[in-house]
Protein backbone atom coordinates (compact mmCIF):
# COMPACT_ATOMS: atom_id res chain seq x y z
CA MET A 1 125.73 121.69 69.05
CA ALA A 2 127.11 118.17 68.61
CA SER A 3 124.97 115.72 66.69
CA GLY A 4 125.51 112.95 69.20
CA ALA A 5 127.33 111.84 72.32
CA LEU A 6 131.08 111.40 72.13
CA PRO A 7 131.98 107.74 71.62
CA LEU A 8 133.38 105.71 74.50
CA GLY A 9 135.63 102.72 73.94
CA PRO A 10 137.16 100.03 76.19
CA LEU A 11 139.96 102.38 77.31
CA GLU A 12 137.54 105.06 78.47
CA LEU A 13 135.43 102.50 80.31
CA ALA A 14 138.55 101.08 81.98
CA ILE A 15 139.50 104.55 83.17
CA ALA A 16 135.96 105.12 84.48
CA SER A 17 136.22 101.90 86.49
CA ALA A 18 138.81 103.62 88.64
CA LEU A 19 135.92 105.56 90.16
CA VAL A 20 134.63 102.30 91.62
CA PHE A 21 137.98 101.74 93.29
CA VAL A 22 137.47 105.02 95.13
CA ALA A 23 134.29 103.61 96.68
CA GLY A 24 136.16 100.40 97.49
CA LEU A 25 138.97 102.36 99.11
CA VAL A 26 136.46 104.17 101.32
CA SER A 27 135.05 100.79 102.39
CA VAL A 28 138.53 99.52 103.30
CA LEU A 29 139.54 102.66 105.17
CA LEU A 30 136.33 102.77 107.20
CA GLY A 31 136.11 99.02 107.71
CA LEU A 32 132.71 98.75 106.04
CA HIS A 33 133.52 95.31 104.56
CA ILE A 34 131.44 95.94 101.43
CA GLU A 35 134.29 96.02 98.92
CA ARG A 36 133.57 92.47 97.75
CA ARG A 37 129.89 93.23 97.25
CA LEU A 38 130.85 96.43 95.47
CA ALA A 39 133.18 94.56 93.11
CA ILE A 40 130.48 91.99 92.34
CA ALA A 41 127.92 94.73 91.74
CA ALA A 42 130.32 96.55 89.40
CA ALA A 43 131.03 93.38 87.46
CA ARG A 44 127.34 92.60 87.15
CA THR A 45 126.67 96.14 85.98
CA VAL A 46 129.18 95.82 83.15
CA VAL A 47 128.06 92.35 82.07
CA GLN A 48 124.34 93.03 82.29
CA LEU A 49 124.52 96.36 80.46
CA LEU A 50 126.71 94.94 77.70
CA LEU A 51 124.30 92.04 77.22
CA VAL A 52 121.34 94.43 77.15
CA GLY A 53 123.16 96.62 74.65
CA TYR A 54 123.71 93.72 72.25
CA VAL A 55 120.13 92.57 72.64
CA LEU A 56 118.73 96.05 72.01
CA VAL A 57 120.83 96.41 68.85
CA TRP A 58 119.29 93.18 67.62
CA VAL A 59 115.76 94.19 68.63
CA PHE A 60 116.07 97.63 67.04
CA ARG A 61 117.31 96.18 63.78
CA ALA A 62 114.63 93.47 63.66
CA ASP A 63 111.85 96.06 64.22
CA THR A 64 109.14 93.49 64.90
CA PRO A 65 106.36 93.62 67.52
CA TRP A 66 107.00 90.05 68.64
CA LEU A 67 110.47 90.85 69.92
CA VAL A 68 109.16 93.94 71.71
CA LEU A 69 106.44 91.85 73.36
CA ALA A 70 109.04 89.23 74.35
CA ALA A 71 111.20 91.96 75.86
CA LEU A 72 108.14 93.27 77.71
CA GLY A 73 107.50 89.82 79.19
CA LEU A 74 111.09 89.32 80.32
CA MET A 75 111.27 92.79 81.81
CA THR A 76 108.01 92.26 83.70
CA VAL A 77 109.17 88.94 85.15
CA ALA A 78 112.49 90.44 86.29
CA ALA A 79 110.79 93.51 87.76
CA ALA A 80 108.22 91.41 89.65
CA ARG A 81 110.95 89.21 91.08
CA ALA A 82 112.98 92.23 92.19
CA ALA A 83 109.96 93.96 93.73
CA VAL A 84 109.03 91.01 95.92
CA ARG A 85 112.61 90.08 96.90
CA ARG A 86 113.31 93.62 98.10
CA SER A 87 110.57 93.32 100.68
CA GLY A 88 111.39 91.86 104.07
CA ARG A 89 108.09 89.96 104.13
CA SER A 90 106.03 88.21 101.49
CA TYR A 91 103.10 85.87 101.02
CA ARG A 92 102.17 83.02 98.71
CA GLY A 93 101.13 84.45 95.38
CA ALA A 94 103.12 87.68 95.79
CA TYR A 95 105.15 87.09 92.64
CA LEU A 96 102.05 86.57 90.51
CA ASP A 97 100.39 89.65 92.00
CA ALA A 98 103.49 91.74 91.35
CA PHE A 99 103.69 90.45 87.79
CA ILE A 100 100.07 91.31 87.05
CA THR A 101 100.44 94.71 88.70
CA LEU A 102 103.60 95.66 86.78
CA LEU A 103 102.23 94.39 83.47
CA ALA A 104 99.01 96.41 83.89
CA VAL A 105 100.87 99.50 85.05
CA GLY A 106 103.41 99.26 82.24
CA VAL A 107 100.81 98.78 79.51
CA ILE A 108 98.53 101.55 80.79
CA THR A 109 101.10 104.28 81.44
CA THR A 110 103.53 103.51 78.62
CA GLY A 111 100.66 103.05 76.19
CA ALA A 112 99.16 106.40 77.20
CA VAL A 113 102.47 108.20 76.70
CA THR A 114 103.53 106.54 73.44
CA GLN A 115 100.12 106.53 71.76
CA VAL A 116 98.35 109.60 73.16
CA VAL A 117 101.09 112.03 74.13
CA ILE A 118 103.95 111.28 71.73
CA GLY A 119 102.03 109.51 68.97
CA VAL A 120 104.52 106.71 68.24
CA ASP A 121 103.84 104.96 64.95
CA PRO A 122 104.02 101.98 64.79
CA TRP A 123 103.04 101.37 68.39
CA TYR A 124 105.85 98.89 69.00
CA GLN A 125 108.70 101.19 67.93
CA PRO A 126 111.41 99.86 70.31
CA GLN A 127 113.28 103.19 70.44
CA TYR A 128 110.41 104.56 72.57
CA VAL A 129 108.61 101.57 74.04
CA ILE A 130 111.50 99.69 75.62
CA PRO A 131 113.24 102.64 77.36
CA LEU A 132 109.94 103.99 78.69
CA LEU A 133 108.89 100.57 79.95
CA GLY A 134 112.27 100.22 81.65
CA MET A 135 111.78 103.50 83.48
CA VAL A 136 108.23 102.59 84.48
CA PHE A 137 109.30 99.19 85.83
CA GLY A 138 112.35 100.58 87.61
CA ASN A 139 110.36 103.18 89.51
CA SER A 140 107.21 101.09 90.02
CA LEU A 141 109.02 98.13 91.54
CA THR A 142 110.62 100.44 94.11
CA GLY A 143 107.24 101.79 95.12
CA ILE A 144 105.69 98.34 95.13
CA SER A 145 108.41 96.85 97.31
CA LEU A 146 108.16 99.74 99.82
CA SER A 147 104.37 99.45 99.98
CA LEU A 148 104.47 95.68 100.29
CA ASP A 149 107.11 95.66 102.99
CA HIS A 150 105.44 98.37 105.06
CA LEU A 151 101.96 96.90 104.79
CA LEU A 152 102.94 93.35 105.68
CA GLU A 153 105.10 94.59 108.55
CA THR A 154 102.26 96.71 109.90
CA LEU A 155 99.70 93.91 109.63
CA ASP A 156 102.10 91.58 111.41
CA GLU A 157 103.00 93.96 114.22
CA ARG A 158 99.49 95.37 114.74
CA ARG A 159 97.78 92.02 114.50
CA GLU A 160 96.06 92.37 117.89
CA GLN A 161 94.67 95.82 117.13
CA ILE A 162 93.33 94.78 113.76
CA GLU A 163 91.79 91.57 115.13
CA MET A 164 90.19 93.53 117.98
CA ALA A 165 88.63 95.93 115.48
CA LEU A 166 87.34 92.97 113.47
CA ALA A 167 85.93 91.38 116.62
CA LEU A 168 84.06 94.58 117.42
CA GLY A 169 82.28 94.46 114.08
CA ALA A 170 84.60 96.37 111.75
CA THR A 171 84.95 95.09 108.18
CA SER A 172 88.35 94.01 106.93
CA TRP A 173 88.56 97.21 104.90
CA GLU A 174 87.74 99.39 107.90
CA ALA A 175 90.23 97.60 110.13
CA ALA A 176 93.06 97.77 107.58
CA ARG A 177 92.29 101.14 106.00
CA ALA A 178 94.97 103.08 107.88
CA PRO A 179 97.80 100.62 107.11
CA LEU A 180 96.67 100.41 103.47
CA ARG A 181 96.69 104.15 103.11
CA GLU A 182 100.08 104.52 104.80
CA ALA A 183 101.57 101.79 102.59
CA VAL A 184 100.59 103.67 99.45
CA ARG A 185 102.02 106.87 100.90
CA ARG A 186 105.33 105.16 101.70
CA GLY A 187 105.60 103.77 98.20
CA MET A 188 104.99 107.20 96.66
CA ILE A 189 107.71 108.99 98.65
CA PRO A 190 110.67 108.27 96.29
CA ILE A 191 108.94 109.55 93.13
CA ILE A 192 107.58 112.59 94.96
CA ASN A 193 111.09 113.40 96.21
CA ALA A 194 112.47 112.94 92.70
CA MET A 195 109.88 115.28 91.23
CA THR A 196 110.52 117.86 93.95
CA VAL A 197 114.25 118.21 93.19
CA ALA A 198 114.10 117.61 89.41
CA GLY A 199 116.00 120.32 87.59
CA ILE A 200 117.23 121.98 90.80
CA VAL A 201 119.32 119.35 92.58
CA SER A 202 119.56 116.81 89.77
CA LEU A 203 119.00 116.44 86.05
CA PRO A 204 116.89 113.27 85.54
CA GLY A 205 118.31 110.42 83.49
CA MET A 206 116.29 110.76 80.29
CA MET A 207 116.92 114.49 80.09
CA THR A 208 120.63 114.00 80.68
CA GLY A 209 120.83 111.31 78.04
CA GLN A 210 119.11 113.45 75.43
CA ILE A 211 121.33 116.44 76.17
CA LEU A 212 124.45 114.29 75.92
CA ALA A 213 123.15 112.93 72.61
CA GLY A 214 122.92 116.48 71.26
CA SER A 215 119.21 117.10 71.59
CA ASP A 216 117.85 120.62 72.13
CA PRO A 217 117.65 121.23 75.93
CA MET A 218 114.03 122.43 75.77
CA ARG A 219 112.98 119.33 73.86
CA ALA A 220 114.78 117.22 76.49
CA VAL A 221 112.93 119.13 79.21
CA ALA A 222 109.56 118.50 77.55
CA TYR A 223 110.23 114.76 77.32
CA GLN A 224 111.45 114.66 80.93
CA ILE A 225 108.28 116.36 82.17
CA VAL A 226 106.18 113.74 80.38
CA VAL A 227 108.33 110.97 81.85
CA MET A 228 108.11 112.28 85.41
CA PHE A 229 104.34 112.49 85.22
CA MET A 230 104.24 108.98 83.70
CA LEU A 231 106.38 107.63 86.55
CA ALA A 232 104.20 109.32 89.16
CA ALA A 233 101.09 107.72 87.70
CA ALA A 234 102.76 104.32 87.33
CA THR A 235 104.05 104.35 90.91
CA ALA A 236 100.68 105.43 92.31
CA LEU A 237 98.83 102.71 90.38
CA GLY A 238 101.42 100.09 91.33
CA CYS A 239 101.27 100.91 95.04
CA MET A 240 97.47 101.00 95.05
CA MET A 241 97.17 97.67 93.24
CA THR A 242 99.73 96.09 95.57
CA THR A 243 97.80 97.09 98.69
CA LEU A 244 94.56 95.80 97.17
CA TRP A 245 96.21 92.46 96.39
CA VAL A 246 97.49 92.18 99.95
CA HIS A 247 94.04 92.97 101.35
CA ARG A 248 92.51 90.32 99.09
CA ARG A 249 95.09 87.68 100.01
CA LEU A 250 95.30 88.25 103.79
CA PHE A 251 91.65 88.80 104.69
CA SER A 252 88.97 86.16 104.28
CA GLU A 253 85.43 86.70 103.06
CA ARG A 254 84.36 86.43 106.71
CA HIS A 255 86.59 89.42 107.55
CA GLN A 256 89.31 87.41 109.28
CA LEU A 257 92.98 88.35 109.23
CA LEU A 258 94.96 85.40 107.81
CA ILE A 259 98.19 86.35 109.51
CA GLU A 260 99.70 82.89 108.95
CA ARG A 261 100.03 83.66 105.26
CA ILE A 262 102.71 86.27 105.90
CA GLU A 263 106.19 84.82 105.58
CA ARG A 264 109.70 86.08 105.55
CA ALA A 265 110.91 86.81 102.03
CA LYS A 266 113.91 84.85 100.83
CA LYS A 267 116.81 87.14 100.15
CA ALA A 268 119.13 86.80 97.20
């Protein structure tokens, strides 16, 4: 078995870029008019990943907890911004709520895996901490954005029903319980689908990367199982915290629905 993945240089990456042209050609032939967006996305992918690669090389060589914590902060800010901007609706304070949620979820789940399951020493070893945090944030922000969008949309569209329930004596929690529960369920769907087809329809990213790097397949499987369970917990916690934040922000202490606080999210 090879000791590592085969190296890829500029020529190989240039050849691989031809695959993007296939997607662009499909857009042109079908009149989708997304070829410009596709080209921009491809260019951003290359630039962003190259920058991240150089930064990670520097962080790995420095091997200091302060750089890992700085990376954690930047990743959390970016993830919170992406989570809120993906939702069609928002509210004042949504970015802060998403930041706190992602930070808590990232620390809890990644800390549990690195310190309890794997036993990383020292705790800030970037080889483990940064990739795992990236996976947690990537999956959690998807769940958070789905939960946020569905819950705010439901509260907006079912305003009269909820206000009638409140007028009849229901508490804010009783009136909003069904939308809150459904929002968490919606946010959990992607990770549940991923877990359902893992190993049958697709080989998850971490497992694929380890196999390409020459790792024993069973060791890669073991790590991927841990990662999938970590992502499920992170997504569930993120969705639950998001719905609780929305409930806190949009209902007053007198059990009134503050519908005016819902606003259309600004798209990038």
